[in-house]
Amino acid sequence: MLPIVAILGRPNVGKSTLFNRLARRRIALVDDRPGVTRDRREVEAEIGGRPVRLMDTAGLEEAPPDTIPGRMRASSETALGMADLVLFAVDARTGMTETDRAFAKQLRRTAVPVLVIANKAEGRDGGSGALEAYELGLGDPIAVSAEHGEGFGEIHDAVRDLLPAPDEEAAEKDRPLRLAILGRPNAGKSTLLNTLLGEDRMIVGPEPGLTRDAIASEFNDGEGPVRLVDTAGLRRKARIEDKLEAMSAQSSIAALKECEVVVLVLDATLGMEEQDLRIARLAEREGRALVIALNKWDAVEEPVATRKKLDDVLTASFAQMKGIAIVTMSAANGRGVDKLMPTVRAILELWNKRIPTGALNRWFEEAQERHQAPLVQGRRLKLRYATMPKARPPTIVIFGTRAELLPVDYQRYLVNSFREAFHMPGVPIRLQMRGTENPYADQE
């Protein structure tokens, strides 16, 4: 298991910028407003030549536990309990505050090694402000500028010296299933993640938009490791006016592109709306496997009619991925959630499925016998054979004379026939056409 390096500190000291710089890519949202990060965010990184799990956290604030800042603080304190090393970030430009001193006192009581990172130390004021961090009693502060990338060599050296020696035998052998939870705001995505993990990993509440970033967690579902990403709610572009919300949407779409299976969470009391269909189409366009989680099912007054309405919408608007798996559940009380991961695993197996060339071409011949390829420009297309060069998603390449001219409706027929013949409901299928060249075409 990789050692955990947690970045802690009060709001707006540059923790997320520091996180992005150490991760060597932009992952966490960064904005001048305090409190942008509300949940723990993790990524595998290499610091000082050591592979680690780097953890960004919400800002530490003194606040009642039932408020959003209070819940943010509880999440950050949980990260402290998991950490093998803490990077305690302070703002060298503004100097030490009472909040910094209070949390430094708390850190001195723990057995976890702590590095004080005096961020925003560029320029004369920042350099002198970094010296003030000695008063925290946590050793020599490291003066850096996360925005400009200054001072990071010293961080890498210190982390390498403080982390325990790596245990090669404990390294993870199995690559985790990459799963993303998407949906509109307030559909219950974070509640579902907390239920799957069995802990209050994500801050939840009746306020829509609590999750602002794509937050990754790992657990084992009994079949193997799962890397689960909760995302910010996706609204229509026309309704996204705030810059921060726009960045959240970009982060959610990036998570979709990196995952293998998308769980689209719907509020069963509202049904499937146009924005849900847009998310589903985006998943299909990116070639991701899709499972629909029909959440808040216990609040539905007419379950039969509600389910039929959803089936009708999918049939009418999403014919390119027939047979999408639907799991009815209530994430808040856990009913039906146990059906989700077996369904995800079954869809993942289909998404990874490769069809042998012999079986594929027997299907291809039978499909053409049932319905011949149409005439194009007065001549019948000659489709010769099919191959399946890759799965993830299943991809079929058809070769034949002028095959690239095959009409879209016949391509749709072939996809549906393939899906039915090899029992692959709800999986995106790619069909590519390759025309064979006529060696005499250029001769008069």
Protein backbone atom coordinates (compact mmCIF):
# COMPACT_ATOMS: atom_id res chain seq x y z
CA MET A 1 0.00 0.00 0.00
CA LEU A 2 1.35 3.43 -0.93
CA PRO A 3 2.22 5.86 1.90
CA ILE A 4 -0.24 8.73 2.24
CA VAL A 5 0.98 12.33 2.16
CA ALA A 6 -1.78 14.73 3.27
CA ILE A 7 -1.78 18.48 2.64
CA LEU A 8 -3.46 20.36 5.51
CA GLY A 9 -3.93 24.03 6.30
CA ARG A 10 -6.49 26.78 6.67
CA PRO A 11 -8.49 27.95 3.63
CA ASN A 12 -6.83 29.87 0.78
CA VAL A 13 -3.19 29.20 1.67
CA GLY A 14 -2.65 27.48 -1.70
CA LYS A 15 -3.12 23.81 -0.79
CA SER A 16 -4.71 22.87 -4.10
CA THR A 17 -2.03 24.71 -6.11
CA LEU A 18 0.60 22.85 -4.06
CA PHE A 19 -1.28 19.59 -4.70
CA ASN A 20 -1.36 20.18 -8.47
CA ARG A 21 2.33 21.08 -8.54
CA LEU A 22 3.36 17.93 -6.62
CA ALA A 23 1.02 15.76 -8.74
CA ARG A 24 2.65 17.33 -11.85
CA ARG A 25 -0.70 18.00 -13.45
CA ARG A 26 -3.74 20.15 -12.87
CA ILE A 27 -6.27 18.07 -10.94
CA ALA A 28 -7.71 20.10 -8.07
CA LEU A 29 -9.73 23.24 -8.77
CA VAL A 30 -7.91 26.48 -7.96
CA ASP A 31 -9.59 29.83 -7.40
CA ASP A 32 -8.98 32.98 -5.36
CA ARG A 33 -12.09 32.33 -3.30
CA PRO A 34 -11.54 30.42 -0.02
CA GLY A 35 -13.24 27.07 0.50
CA VAL A 36 -13.17 25.86 -3.11
CA THR A 37 -11.95 22.44 -1.97
CA ARG A 38 -14.63 20.84 0.21
CA ASP A 39 -13.64 17.17 0.16
CA ARG A 40 -10.49 15.08 0.26
CA ARG A 41 -8.95 14.48 -3.14
CA GLU A 42 -6.34 11.79 -3.83
CA VAL A 43 -3.94 10.97 -6.64
CA GLU A 44 -0.96 8.69 -7.07
CA ALA A 45 2.20 10.75 -7.44
CA GLU A 46 5.96 10.50 -7.07
CA ILE A 47 7.67 12.79 -4.56
CA GLY A 48 11.39 12.55 -3.97
CA GLY A 49 11.50 9.42 -6.09
CA ARG A 50 8.95 7.71 -3.80
CA PRO A 51 5.51 6.63 -5.10
CA VAL A 52 2.87 8.06 -2.74
CA ARG A 53 -0.84 8.70 -2.50
CA LEU A 54 -1.08 12.49 -2.33
CA MET A 55 -4.17 13.86 -0.58
CA ASP A 56 -5.61 17.36 -0.88
CA THR A 57 -8.01 18.41 1.89
CA ALA A 58 -10.56 21.07 2.75
CA GLY A 59 -9.45 24.11 4.72
CA LEU A 60 -9.17 23.77 8.49
CA GLU A 61 -11.58 26.17 10.18
CA GLU A 62 -13.07 26.54 13.64
CA ALA A 63 -16.78 25.96 13.04
CA PRO A 64 -19.77 24.06 14.50
CA PRO A 65 -19.82 20.42 13.32
CA ASP A 66 -23.26 20.68 11.66
CA THR A 67 -22.14 23.47 9.27
CA ILE A 68 -20.41 22.99 5.91
CA PRO A 69 -17.06 24.34 7.28
CA GLY A 70 -17.46 22.06 10.28
CA ARG A 71 -18.01 19.03 8.04
CA MET A 72 -15.03 20.13 5.92
CA ARG A 73 -12.85 20.21 9.03
CA ALA A 74 -14.02 16.74 10.11
CA SER A 75 -13.10 15.39 6.66
CA SER A 76 -9.63 16.94 6.93
CA GLU A 77 -9.11 15.53 10.43
CA THR A 78 -9.97 12.09 9.06
CA ALA A 79 -7.23 12.59 6.46
CA LEU A 80 -4.80 13.40 9.29
CA GLY A 81 -5.60 10.07 10.92
CA MET A 82 -4.81 8.23 7.66
CA ALA A 83 -1.60 10.12 6.81
CA ASP A 84 1.97 8.84 7.00
CA LEU A 85 3.27 12.39 6.49
CA VAL A 86 1.60 15.81 6.71
CA LEU A 87 2.48 18.87 4.65
CA PHE A 88 1.13 21.72 6.78
CA ALA A 89 0.67 24.67 4.43
CA VAL A 90 0.72 28.27 5.70
CA ASP A 91 0.62 31.60 3.87
CA ALA A 92 4.02 33.31 4.14
CA ARG A 93 2.60 36.51 2.65
CA THR A 94 -0.01 37.11 5.37
CA GLY A 95 2.03 35.57 8.20
CA MET A 96 0.93 33.23 10.95
CA THR A 97 -2.64 33.50 12.21
CA GLU A 98 -4.33 32.24 15.35
CA THR A 99 -5.89 29.48 13.25
CA ASP A 100 -2.43 28.37 12.07
CA ARG A 101 -1.17 28.31 15.67
CA ALA A 102 -4.20 26.36 16.91
CA PHE A 103 -3.84 23.64 14.30
CA ALA A 104 -0.06 23.52 14.73
CA LYS A 105 -0.68 22.78 18.40
CA GLN A 106 -2.98 19.93 17.36
CA LEU A 107 -0.35 18.56 14.94
CA ARG A 108 2.36 18.62 17.63
CA ARG A 109 0.28 16.14 19.64
CA THR A 110 0.19 13.57 16.83
CA ALA A 111 2.84 10.97 16.04
CA VAL A 112 2.69 11.79 12.32
CA PRO A 113 5.77 13.60 10.96
CA VAL A 114 4.97 17.13 9.77
CA LEU A 115 6.65 19.41 7.23
CA VAL A 116 5.71 23.08 7.39
CA ILE A 117 5.32 24.48 3.87
CA ALA A 118 5.43 28.28 3.84
CA ASN A 119 3.67 28.94 0.55
CA LYS A 120 3.47 32.23 -1.42
CA ALA A 121 7.07 32.96 -0.40
CA GLU A 122 8.02 34.66 -3.66
CA GLY A 123 9.45 38.16 -3.26
CA ARG A 124 10.81 40.00 -0.22
CA ASP A 125 7.63 39.92 1.88
CA GLY A 126 7.10 36.22 1.33
CA GLY A 127 10.67 35.35 2.29
CA SER A 128 10.47 37.19 5.60
CA GLY A 129 6.99 35.79 6.26
CA ALA A 130 8.30 32.24 5.88
CA LEU A 131 10.65 32.82 8.85
CA GLU A 132 7.60 33.47 11.06
CA ALA A 133 6.61 29.80 10.61
CA TYR A 134 9.39 28.81 13.05
CA GLU A 135 7.08 29.90 15.87
CA LEU A 136 4.76 26.97 15.11
CA GLY A 137 7.22 24.59 16.75
CA LEU A 138 7.14 22.06 13.90
CA GLY A 139 10.73 22.31 12.72
CA ASP A 140 12.29 24.20 9.84
CA PRO A 141 9.72 25.63 7.41
CA ILE A 142 10.26 25.12 3.67
CA ALA A 143 9.70 28.34 1.74
CA VAL A 144 8.01 27.72 -1.63
CA SER A 145 5.87 29.36 -4.27
CA ALA A 146 3.40 26.77 -5.51
CA GLU A 147 2.16 29.17 -8.19
CA HIS A 148 5.64 29.68 -9.65
CA GLY A 149 7.13 26.26 -8.82
CA GLU A 150 9.88 27.64 -6.54
CA GLY A 151 11.40 25.65 -3.66
CA PHE A 152 10.00 22.23 -4.60
CA GLY A 153 13.38 20.53 -4.69
CA GLU A 154 13.60 20.94 -0.93
CA ILE A 155 10.11 19.44 -0.50
CA HIS A 156 11.11 16.39 -2.54
CA ASP A 157 14.29 15.91 -0.47
CA ALA A 158 12.45 16.25 2.86
CA VAL A 159 9.65 13.87 1.86
CA ARG A 160 12.17 11.25 0.74
CA ASP A 161 13.97 11.49 4.10
CA LEU A 162 10.82 11.31 6.24
CA LEU A 163 8.85 8.54 4.53
CA PRO A 164 9.40 4.92 5.62
CA ALA A 165 11.38 2.67 3.28
CA PRO A 166 9.13 1.32 0.48
CA ASP A 167 7.76 -2.22 0.86
CA GLU A 168 7.94 -3.72 -2.62
CA GLU A 169 5.99 -6.85 -1.64
CA ALA A 170 3.04 -4.77 -0.50
CA ALA A 171 2.72 -3.01 -3.84
CA GLU A 172 -0.69 -3.41 -5.42
CA LYS A 173 -0.76 -6.08 -8.10
CA ASP A 174 -4.26 -5.65 -9.45
CA ARG A 175 -5.24 -2.54 -11.35
CA PRO A 176 -8.46 -1.14 -9.85
CA LEU A 177 -11.73 -0.86 -11.75
CA ARG A 178 -12.11 2.84 -12.61
CA LEU A 179 -15.67 3.95 -11.85
CA ALA A 180 -17.13 7.47 -12.16
CA ILE A 181 -20.38 8.66 -10.56
CA LEU A 182 -22.10 11.36 -12.65
CA GLY A 183 -25.44 13.10 -12.68
CA ARG A 184 -27.24 16.36 -12.17
CA PRO A 185 -26.80 18.34 -8.92
CA ASN A 186 -28.47 16.89 -5.82
CA ALA A 187 -29.26 13.49 -7.37
CA GLY A 188 -27.49 11.73 -4.47
CA LYS A 189 -24.07 11.00 -5.98
CA SER A 190 -22.03 11.73 -2.85
CA THR A 191 -24.50 9.87 -0.64
CA LEU A 192 -24.11 6.85 -2.90
CA LEU A 193 -20.32 7.04 -2.66
CA ASN A 194 -20.46 7.26 1.15
CA THR A 195 -22.77 4.22 1.26
CA LEU A 196 -20.46 2.18 -0.98
CA LEU A 197 -17.43 3.10 1.13
CA GLY A 198 -19.19 2.65 4.45
CA GLU A 199 -17.94 6.02 5.73
CA ASP A 200 -18.75 9.72 5.47
CA ARG A 201 -16.08 10.28 2.85
CA MET A 202 -18.00 13.06 1.07
CA ILE A 203 -19.73 16.05 2.58
CA VAL A 204 -23.45 15.69 1.93
CA GLY A 205 -26.51 17.74 2.70
CA PRO A 206 -29.67 19.20 1.20
CA GLU A 207 -27.69 22.08 -0.34
CA PRO A 208 -27.12 21.39 -4.07
CA GLY A 209 -23.58 21.75 -5.43
CA LEU A 210 -21.66 20.69 -2.30
CA THR A 211 -19.24 18.63 -4.38
CA ARG A 212 -17.14 20.96 -6.51
CA ASP A 213 -14.35 18.70 -7.70
CA ALA A 214 -13.93 15.13 -8.95
CA ILE A 215 -13.01 13.22 -5.79
CA ALA A 216 -11.43 9.76 -5.95
CA SER A 217 -11.62 7.02 -3.31
CA GLU A 218 -10.67 3.35 -3.30
CA PHE A 219 -12.39 0.31 -1.82
CA ASN A 220 -12.69 -3.41 -2.46
CA ASP A 221 -16.07 -4.79 -3.47
CA GLY A 222 -15.11 -8.43 -2.90
CA GLU A 223 -14.17 -8.92 -6.56
CA GLY A 224 -11.16 -6.63 -6.49
CA PRO A 225 -10.06 -3.02 -5.97
CA VAL A 226 -12.31 -0.21 -7.23
CA ARG A 227 -11.22 3.38 -7.79
CA LEU A 228 -14.39 5.40 -7.39
CA VAL A 229 -14.68 9.03 -8.50
CA ASP A 230 -17.51 11.26 -7.30
CA THR A 231 -18.04 14.32 -9.48
CA ALA A 232 -19.72 17.69 -9.33
CA GLY A 233 -23.27 17.85 -10.65
CA LEU A 234 -23.48 18.64 -14.36
CA ARG A 235 -25.99 21.27 -15.47
CA ARG A 236 -26.71 22.55 -18.96
CA LYS A 237 -23.99 24.86 -20.30
CA ALA A 238 -26.49 27.70 -20.62
CA ARG A 239 -27.02 27.61 -16.85
CA ILE A 240 -23.31 27.61 -15.96
CA GLU A 241 -22.39 31.23 -15.34
CA ASP A 242 -19.92 30.91 -12.48
CA LYS A 243 -16.24 30.31 -13.43
CA LEU A 244 -15.83 27.85 -10.55
CA GLU A 245 -18.83 25.80 -11.68
CA ALA A 246 -17.42 25.74 -15.20
CA MET A 247 -14.16 24.32 -13.87
CA SER A 248 -16.12 21.74 -11.85
CA ALA A 249 -17.90 20.65 -15.02
CA GLN A 250 -14.57 20.29 -16.84
CA SER A 251 -13.24 18.18 -13.96
CA SER A 252 -16.32 15.92 -14.11
CA ILE A 253 -15.96 15.41 -17.87
CA ALA A 254 -12.25 14.60 -17.43
CA ALA A 255 -13.20 11.95 -14.84
CA LEU A 256 -15.69 10.45 -17.31
CA LYS A 257 -13.01 10.17 -19.98
CA GLU A 258 -10.57 8.42 -17.62
CA CYS A 259 -13.02 5.86 -16.19
CA GLU A 260 -14.15 2.48 -17.49
CA VAL A 261 -17.75 2.45 -16.19
CA VAL A 262 -20.04 5.45 -15.63
CA VAL A 263 -22.77 5.24 -13.01
CA LEU A 264 -25.37 7.83 -14.00
CA VAL A 265 -27.35 8.73 -10.88
CA LEU A 266 -30.93 9.88 -11.46
CA ASP A 267 -33.39 11.30 -8.95
CA ALA A 268 -36.26 8.83 -9.36
CA THR A 269 -38.76 11.45 -8.20
CA LEU A 270 -37.80 13.68 -11.16
CA GLY A 271 -37.17 11.05 -13.81
CA MET A 272 -34.74 11.29 -16.71
CA GLU A 273 -34.42 14.79 -18.10
CA GLU A 274 -32.60 16.13 -21.14
CA GLN A 275 -29.41 16.84 -19.18
CA ASP A 276 -29.29 13.20 -18.03
CA LEU A 277 -29.55 12.10 -21.65
CA ARG A 278 -26.70 14.46 -22.56
CA ILE A 279 -24.49 12.85 -19.91
CA ALA A 280 -25.44 9.37 -21.14
CA ARG A 281 -24.69 10.34 -24.74
CA LEU A 282 -21.33 11.75 -23.67
CA ALA A 283 -20.50 8.45 -21.96
CA GLU A 284 -21.48 6.55 -25.10
CA ARG A 285 -19.49 8.91 -27.32
CA GLU A 286 -16.40 8.38 -25.16
CA GLY A 287 -16.94 4.61 -25.30
CA ARG A 288 -17.59 4.16 -21.57
CA ALA A 289 -19.79 1.39 -20.18
CA LEU A 290 -22.94 2.77 -18.53
CA VAL A 291 -25.14 1.80 -15.58
CA ILE A 292 -28.11 3.90 -14.44
CA ALA A 293 -28.66 4.20 -10.69
CA LEU A 294 -32.29 5.20 -10.11
CA ASN A 295 -31.85 6.80 -6.69
CA LYS A 296 -34.46 7.88 -4.08
CA TRP A 297 -36.61 4.92 -5.20
CA ASP A 298 -38.23 4.73 -1.76
CA ALA A 299 -39.79 8.16 -2.38
CA VAL A 300 -41.50 7.12 -5.65
CA GLU A 301 -45.28 6.84 -5.31
CA GLU A 302 -45.93 4.90 -8.54
CA PRO A 303 -42.87 2.66 -9.16
CA VAL A 304 -44.34 0.70 -12.10
CA ALA A 305 -45.29 3.84 -14.03
CA THR A 306 -41.99 5.54 -13.17
CA ARG A 307 -39.94 2.61 -14.42
CA LYS A 308 -42.00 2.33 -17.63
CA LYS A 309 -41.54 6.04 -18.32
CA LEU A 310 -37.76 5.68 -17.97
CA ASP A 311 -37.71 2.66 -20.27
CA ASP A 312 -39.74 4.59 -22.87
CA VAL A 313 -37.35 7.55 -22.73
CA LEU A 314 -34.31 5.30 -23.18
CA THR A 315 -35.94 3.43 -26.06
CA ALA A 316 -36.92 6.63 -27.85
CA SER A 317 -33.82 8.71 -27.18
CA PHE A 318 -30.99 6.23 -26.69
CA ALA A 319 -31.43 3.48 -29.26
CA GLN A 320 -27.68 3.29 -29.94
CA MET A 321 -27.12 1.53 -26.59
CA LYS A 322 -30.09 -0.80 -26.13
CA GLY A 323 -30.48 -2.64 -22.85
CA ILE A 324 -28.76 -0.23 -20.43
CA ALA A 325 -28.73 -1.74 -16.94
CA ILE A 326 -30.90 0.07 -14.38
CA VAL A 327 -30.52 -0.41 -10.62
CA THR A 328 -33.26 0.98 -8.36
CA MET A 329 -32.00 2.03 -4.95
CA SER A 330 -32.06 4.45 -2.07
CA ALA A 331 -28.50 5.58 -1.30
CA ALA A 332 -29.63 7.29 1.91
CA ASN A 333 -30.82 4.09 3.60
CA GLY A 334 -28.78 1.60 1.54
CA ARG A 335 -31.69 -0.31 0.00
CA GLY A 336 -30.74 -1.78 -3.36
CA VAL A 337 -27.17 -0.44 -3.27
CA ASP A 338 -25.86 -4.01 -2.92
CA LYS A 339 -27.05 -4.69 -6.50
CA LEU A 340 -24.94 -1.90 -8.01
CA MET A 341 -21.41 -3.35 -7.97
CA PRO A 342 -22.44 -6.81 -9.31
CA THR A 343 -24.21 -4.98 -12.16
CA VAL A 344 -21.12 -2.81 -12.78
CA ARG A 345 -18.87 -5.89 -12.83
CA ALA A 346 -21.17 -7.66 -15.32
CA ILE A 347 -21.20 -4.64 -17.65
CA LEU A 348 -17.42 -4.30 -17.34
CA GLU A 349 -17.00 -7.93 -18.42
CA LEU A 350 -19.09 -7.26 -21.56
CA TRP A 351 -17.15 -4.05 -22.22
CA ASN A 352 -13.92 -6.09 -22.14
CA LYS A 353 -15.32 -8.95 -24.24
CA ARG A 354 -13.46 -10.02 -27.40
CA ILE A 355 -15.24 -12.12 -30.03
CA PRO A 356 -13.08 -14.68 -31.94
CA THR A 357 -12.71 -13.92 -35.65
CA GLY A 358 -14.41 -17.17 -36.71
CA ALA A 359 -17.53 -16.55 -34.61
CA LEU A 360 -17.58 -12.91 -35.69
CA ASN A 361 -17.58 -13.74 -39.41
CA ARG A 362 -20.24 -16.44 -39.02
CA TRP A 363 -22.46 -13.77 -37.47
CA PHE A 364 -21.50 -11.33 -40.26
CA GLU A 365 -22.48 -13.76 -43.02
CA GLU A 366 -25.80 -14.61 -41.33
CA ALA A 367 -26.57 -10.90 -40.84
CA GLN A 368 -26.02 -10.25 -44.56
CA GLU A 369 -28.15 -13.26 -45.53
CA ARG A 370 -31.05 -11.87 -43.50
CA HIS A 371 -30.65 -8.36 -44.94
CA GLN A 372 -28.41 -7.73 -47.93
CA ALA A 373 -26.24 -4.65 -48.07
CA PRO A 374 -28.15 -1.91 -49.94
CA LEU A 375 -27.51 -0.43 -53.35
CA VAL A 376 -25.40 2.72 -53.38
CA GLN A 377 -25.28 4.79 -56.56
CA GLY A 378 -26.97 1.89 -58.36
CA ARG A 379 -24.38 -0.69 -57.33
CA ARG A 380 -24.53 -3.18 -54.44
CA LEU A 381 -21.81 -2.90 -51.85
CA LYS A 382 -19.68 -6.03 -51.38
CA LEU A 383 -18.90 -6.51 -47.69
CA ARG A 384 -16.25 -9.22 -47.39
CA TYR A 385 -15.27 -9.87 -43.77
CA ALA A 386 -15.15 -8.43 -40.25
CA THR A 387 -12.51 -8.28 -37.52
CA MET A 388 -12.55 -7.13 -33.91
CA PRO A 389 -9.19 -5.43 -33.28
CA LYS A 390 -10.01 -4.25 -29.76
CA ALA A 391 -12.44 -4.24 -26.89
CA ARG A 392 -12.94 -1.50 -24.26
CA PRO A 393 -15.36 -0.75 -25.98
CA PRO A 394 -16.01 -3.59 -28.48
CA THR A 395 -14.87 -2.35 -31.90
CA ILE A 396 -15.75 -4.07 -35.20
CA VAL A 397 -13.99 -3.26 -38.46
CA ILE A 398 -15.76 -4.30 -41.69
CA PHE A 399 -13.82 -4.59 -44.96
CA GLY A 400 -15.32 -4.53 -48.42
CA THR A 401 -15.48 -2.75 -51.75
CA ARG A 402 -16.68 0.81 -51.11
CA ALA A 403 -17.54 -0.22 -47.54
CA GLU A 404 -17.02 3.37 -46.38
CA LEU A 405 -20.22 4.28 -48.29
CA LEU A 406 -22.40 1.95 -46.18
CA PRO A 407 -25.55 3.90 -45.12
CA VAL A 408 -25.99 4.75 -41.45
CA ASP A 409 -29.24 2.77 -41.12
CA TYR A 410 -27.54 -0.43 -42.29
CA GLN A 411 -24.66 0.21 -39.90
CA ARG A 412 -27.21 0.55 -37.11
CA TYR A 413 -28.76 -2.76 -38.18
CA LEU A 414 -25.35 -4.47 -37.96
CA VAL A 415 -24.67 -3.03 -34.50
CA ASN A 416 -28.06 -4.15 -33.16
CA SER A 417 -27.62 -7.58 -34.75
CA PHE A 418 -24.16 -7.93 -33.18
CA ARG A 419 -25.46 -6.81 -29.78
CA GLU A 420 -28.26 -9.39 -29.89
CA ALA A 421 -26.12 -12.25 -31.24
CA PHE A 422 -23.41 -11.91 -28.59
CA HIS A 423 -25.64 -10.78 -25.69
CA MET A 424 -24.06 -7.37 -25.11
CA PRO A 425 -26.84 -5.09 -23.80
CA GLY A 426 -26.01 -1.58 -22.66
CA VAL A 427 -22.45 -1.56 -24.02
CA PRO A 428 -21.24 1.03 -26.56
CA ILE A 429 -20.18 -0.67 -29.81
CA ARG A 430 -17.93 0.91 -32.39
CA LEU A 431 -18.37 0.07 -36.09
CA GLN A 432 -15.67 1.14 -38.55
CA MET A 433 -15.74 0.68 -42.31
CA ARG A 434 -12.68 0.03 -44.47
CA GLY A 435 -13.04 0.09 -48.26
CA THR A 436 -10.70 -2.16 -50.25
CA GLU A 437 -8.86 -0.41 -53.05
CA ASN A 438 -9.39 -1.28 -56.72
CA PRO A 439 -5.90 -1.70 -58.28
CA TYR A 440 -7.26 -0.63 -61.71
CA ALA A 441 -9.06 2.50 -60.49
CA ASP A 442 -6.32 4.88 -61.64
CA GLN A 443 -5.81 3.22 -65.05
CA GLU A 444 -7.64 4.39 -68.15
